[in-house]
Structures are given as structure tokens and as C-alpha cells.
């Protein structure tokens, strides 16, 4: 199962790494592929993780989640 997150505020590779590390620290997240150019994070899940959990984790790092698909 995957979810695609739309994230505003990522400007560089450091931002990508920060969001990736944050998402992959959540229980149930297998991996995250983050692109600051596309403003997305594609999150592969091992089990169902509420979208609100993903959103709160990213927004705690000072990025804005504008939508989650999947």
C-alpha cells in the first residue's frame, strides 16, 4: 500500500532527507521517496497508517501537507 503526500516548503536535498527520515521513523512505514522538485513524498506502508499521523509528523518539521492520496 502506498500513499502520495503533497508537501509545500521543501527547497533542497536537505529538506528531502529531513522529510524522509521523519516518515521512515513512523511505525508501519516501510520506505519514503521524497522529491522537493515535485513537492511529493511517496510512502510505502507495511500496515495501515492513518494519514493524519503522516501529516502531523511532516508538519512538525515545519512543512505544509496540502494533500494525501491513497
N, C-alpha and C. Protein backbone atom coordinates (compact mmCIF):
# COMPACT_ATOMS: atom_id res chain seq x y z
N UNK A 1 0.84 -1.18 0.00
CA UNK A 1 0.00 0.00 0.00
C UNK A 1 0.89 1.24 0.00
N UNK A 2 0.54 2.20 -0.82
CA UNK A 2 1.29 3.45 -0.85
C UNK A 2 0.36 4.64 -0.70
N UNK A 3 0.93 5.71 -0.19
CA UNK A 3 0.23 6.99 -0.10
C UNK A 3 1.15 8.05 -0.69
N UNK A 4 0.58 8.95 -1.46
CA UNK A 4 1.35 10.06 -2.01
C UNK A 4 0.96 11.33 -1.27
N UNK A 5 1.97 11.95 -0.68
CA UNK A 5 1.74 13.18 0.07
C UNK A 5 2.21 14.37 -0.78
N UNK A 6 1.44 15.43 -0.76
CA UNK A 6 1.82 16.68 -1.43
C UNK A 6 2.27 17.64 -0.33
N UNK A 7 3.53 18.10 -0.46
CA UNK A 7 4.16 18.86 0.61
C UNK A 7 4.73 20.16 0.07
N UNK A 8 4.41 21.26 0.73
CA UNK A 8 4.97 22.56 0.37
C UNK A 8 6.08 22.92 1.34
N UNK A 9 7.08 23.64 0.83
CA UNK A 9 8.14 24.15 1.69
C UNK A 9 9.47 23.45 1.55
N UNK A 10 9.52 22.34 0.81
CA UNK A 10 10.79 21.66 0.60
C UNK A 10 11.56 22.38 -0.51
N UNK A 11 12.80 22.75 -0.24
CA UNK A 11 13.57 23.56 -1.18
C UNK A 11 14.84 22.87 -1.70
N UNK A 12 15.28 21.79 -1.04
CA UNK A 12 16.59 21.22 -1.39
C UNK A 12 16.69 19.77 -0.95
N UNK A 13 17.82 19.18 -1.22
CA UNK A 13 18.07 17.80 -0.83
C UNK A 13 18.04 17.60 0.68
N UNK A 14 18.47 18.62 1.43
CA UNK A 14 18.41 18.52 2.89
C UNK A 14 16.96 18.39 3.36
N UNK A 15 16.06 19.16 2.74
CA UNK A 15 14.64 19.09 3.07
C UNK A 15 14.11 17.68 2.78
N UNK A 16 14.48 17.13 1.61
CA UNK A 16 14.07 15.78 1.25
C UNK A 16 14.50 14.78 2.31
N UNK A 17 15.76 14.86 2.71
CA UNK A 17 16.31 13.93 3.69
C UNK A 17 15.59 14.05 5.04
N UNK A 18 15.26 15.27 5.41
CA UNK A 18 14.57 15.51 6.69
C UNK A 18 13.18 14.88 6.68
N UNK A 19 12.44 15.08 5.58
CA UNK A 19 11.09 14.51 5.47
C UNK A 19 11.17 12.99 5.40
N UNK A 20 12.12 12.46 4.63
CA UNK A 20 12.30 11.00 4.50
C UNK A 20 12.57 10.38 5.87
N UNK A 21 13.50 10.95 6.61
CA UNK A 21 13.86 10.42 7.93
C UNK A 21 12.65 10.47 8.87
N UNK A 22 11.91 11.55 8.83
CA UNK A 22 10.73 11.71 9.68
C UNK A 22 9.68 10.64 9.36
N UNK A 23 9.39 10.45 8.07
CA UNK A 23 8.37 9.48 7.68
C UNK A 23 8.80 8.06 7.99
N UNK A 24 10.06 7.73 7.71
CA UNK A 24 10.53 6.36 7.92
C UNK A 24 10.68 6.00 9.39
N UNK A 25 10.61 6.98 10.28
CA UNK A 25 10.65 6.72 11.72
C UNK A 25 9.28 6.31 12.27
N UNK A 26 8.23 6.46 11.46
CA UNK A 26 6.88 6.11 11.89
C UNK A 26 6.67 4.61 11.77
N UNK A 27 6.15 4.00 12.81
CA UNK A 27 5.87 2.57 12.80
C UNK A 27 4.86 2.26 11.69
N UNK A 28 5.21 1.27 10.86
CA UNK A 28 4.33 0.88 9.77
C UNK A 28 4.76 1.43 8.43
N UNK A 29 5.70 2.38 8.42
CA UNK A 29 6.21 2.93 7.17
C UNK A 29 7.43 2.11 6.75
N UNK A 30 7.36 1.54 5.55
CA UNK A 30 8.47 0.74 5.02
C UNK A 30 9.53 1.63 4.40
N UNK A 31 9.10 2.59 3.56
CA UNK A 31 10.05 3.49 2.91
C UNK A 31 9.32 4.74 2.44
N UNK A 32 10.12 5.76 2.13
CA UNK A 32 9.57 7.00 1.59
C UNK A 32 10.51 7.52 0.51
N UNK A 33 9.94 7.88 -0.63
CA UNK A 33 10.70 8.50 -1.71
C UNK A 33 10.21 9.95 -1.80
N UNK A 34 11.11 10.87 -1.52
CA UNK A 34 10.74 12.28 -1.39
C UNK A 34 11.39 13.09 -2.51
N UNK A 35 10.62 14.00 -3.11
CA UNK A 35 11.14 14.88 -4.16
C UNK A 35 10.76 16.32 -3.86
N UNK A 36 11.79 17.16 -3.64
CA UNK A 36 11.47 18.58 -3.41
C UNK A 36 11.05 19.24 -4.71
N UNK A 37 11.54 18.74 -5.85
CA UNK A 37 11.16 19.32 -7.15
C UNK A 37 9.69 19.09 -7.45
N UNK A 38 9.19 17.89 -7.14
CA UNK A 38 7.78 17.58 -7.37
C UNK A 38 6.90 17.98 -6.19
N UNK A 39 7.51 18.20 -5.02
CA UNK A 39 6.74 18.53 -3.82
C UNK A 39 5.94 17.34 -3.32
N UNK A 40 6.54 16.13 -3.46
CA UNK A 40 5.82 14.93 -3.07
C UNK A 40 6.67 14.01 -2.20
N UNK A 41 5.97 13.14 -1.49
CA UNK A 41 6.59 12.02 -0.79
C UNK A 41 5.70 10.82 -1.07
N UNK A 42 6.27 9.78 -1.67
CA UNK A 42 5.54 8.55 -1.91
C UNK A 42 5.94 7.59 -0.80
N UNK A 43 4.98 7.24 0.03
CA UNK A 43 5.23 6.47 1.24
C UNK A 43 4.72 5.05 1.05
N UNK A 44 5.61 4.07 1.19
CA UNK A 44 5.22 2.66 1.12
C UNK A 44 4.99 2.16 2.53
N UNK A 45 3.81 1.58 2.74
CA UNK A 45 3.40 1.17 4.09
C UNK A 45 3.44 -0.34 4.25
N UNK A 46 3.86 -0.79 5.43
CA UNK A 46 3.82 -2.21 5.79
C UNK A 46 2.45 -2.56 6.36
N UNK A 47 1.81 -1.57 6.97
CA UNK A 47 0.47 -1.72 7.55
C UNK A 47 -0.22 -0.38 7.42
N UNK A 48 -1.52 -0.36 7.69
CA UNK A 48 -2.26 0.88 7.55
C UNK A 48 -1.79 1.90 8.59
N UNK A 49 -1.42 3.06 8.11
CA UNK A 49 -1.03 4.18 8.97
C UNK A 49 -1.97 5.33 8.65
N UNK A 50 -2.64 5.89 9.64
CA UNK A 50 -3.57 6.99 9.37
C UNK A 50 -2.88 8.16 8.68
N UNK A 51 -3.54 8.73 7.70
CA UNK A 51 -2.99 9.90 7.00
C UNK A 51 -2.69 11.03 7.98
N UNK A 52 -3.51 11.15 9.01
CA UNK A 52 -3.30 12.21 10.00
C UNK A 52 -1.96 12.04 10.71
N UNK A 53 -1.53 10.81 10.95
CA UNK A 53 -0.24 10.55 11.60
C UNK A 53 0.90 11.01 10.71
N UNK A 54 0.81 10.70 9.41
CA UNK A 54 1.84 11.12 8.46
C UNK A 54 1.89 12.64 8.37
N UNK A 55 0.71 13.26 8.26
CA UNK A 55 0.63 14.71 8.14
C UNK A 55 1.21 15.41 9.36
N UNK A 56 0.84 14.96 10.54
CA UNK A 56 1.32 15.60 11.77
C UNK A 56 2.84 15.51 11.88
N UNK A 57 3.42 14.37 11.50
CA UNK A 57 4.87 14.19 11.59
C UNK A 57 5.60 15.16 10.66
N UNK A 58 5.11 15.29 9.43
CA UNK A 58 5.75 16.19 8.46
C UNK A 58 5.56 17.65 8.87
N UNK A 59 4.37 17.99 9.31
CA UNK A 59 4.11 19.39 9.68
C UNK A 59 4.86 19.78 10.95
N UNK A 60 5.22 18.81 11.79
CA UNK A 60 6.05 19.10 12.97
C UNK A 60 7.46 19.51 12.57
N UNK A 61 7.84 19.20 11.32
CA UNK A 61 9.15 19.60 10.78
C UNK A 61 9.06 20.92 10.01
N UNK A 62 7.94 21.61 10.14
CA UNK A 62 7.72 22.93 9.52
C UNK A 62 7.49 22.91 8.02
N UNK A 63 6.92 21.82 7.50
CA UNK A 63 6.48 21.76 6.11
C UNK A 63 4.97 21.69 6.11
N UNK A 64 4.34 22.08 5.01
CA UNK A 64 2.88 22.08 4.93
C UNK A 64 2.41 20.96 4.00
N UNK A 65 1.58 20.07 4.55
CA UNK A 65 0.99 19.00 3.76
C UNK A 65 -0.30 19.52 3.16
N UNK A 66 -0.38 19.54 1.82
CA UNK A 66 -1.57 20.08 1.15
C UNK A 66 -2.53 19.00 0.70
N UNK A 67 -2.11 17.74 0.77
CA UNK A 67 -3.00 16.66 0.40
C UNK A 67 -2.32 15.31 0.50
N UNK A 68 -3.13 14.27 0.67
CA UNK A 68 -2.62 12.90 0.73
C UNK A 68 -3.57 12.02 -0.09
N UNK A 69 -2.99 11.28 -1.04
CA UNK A 69 -3.77 10.37 -1.88
C UNK A 69 -3.38 8.94 -1.53
N UNK A 70 -4.39 8.06 -1.55
CA UNK A 70 -4.10 6.65 -1.33
C UNK A 70 -4.61 6.13 -0.03
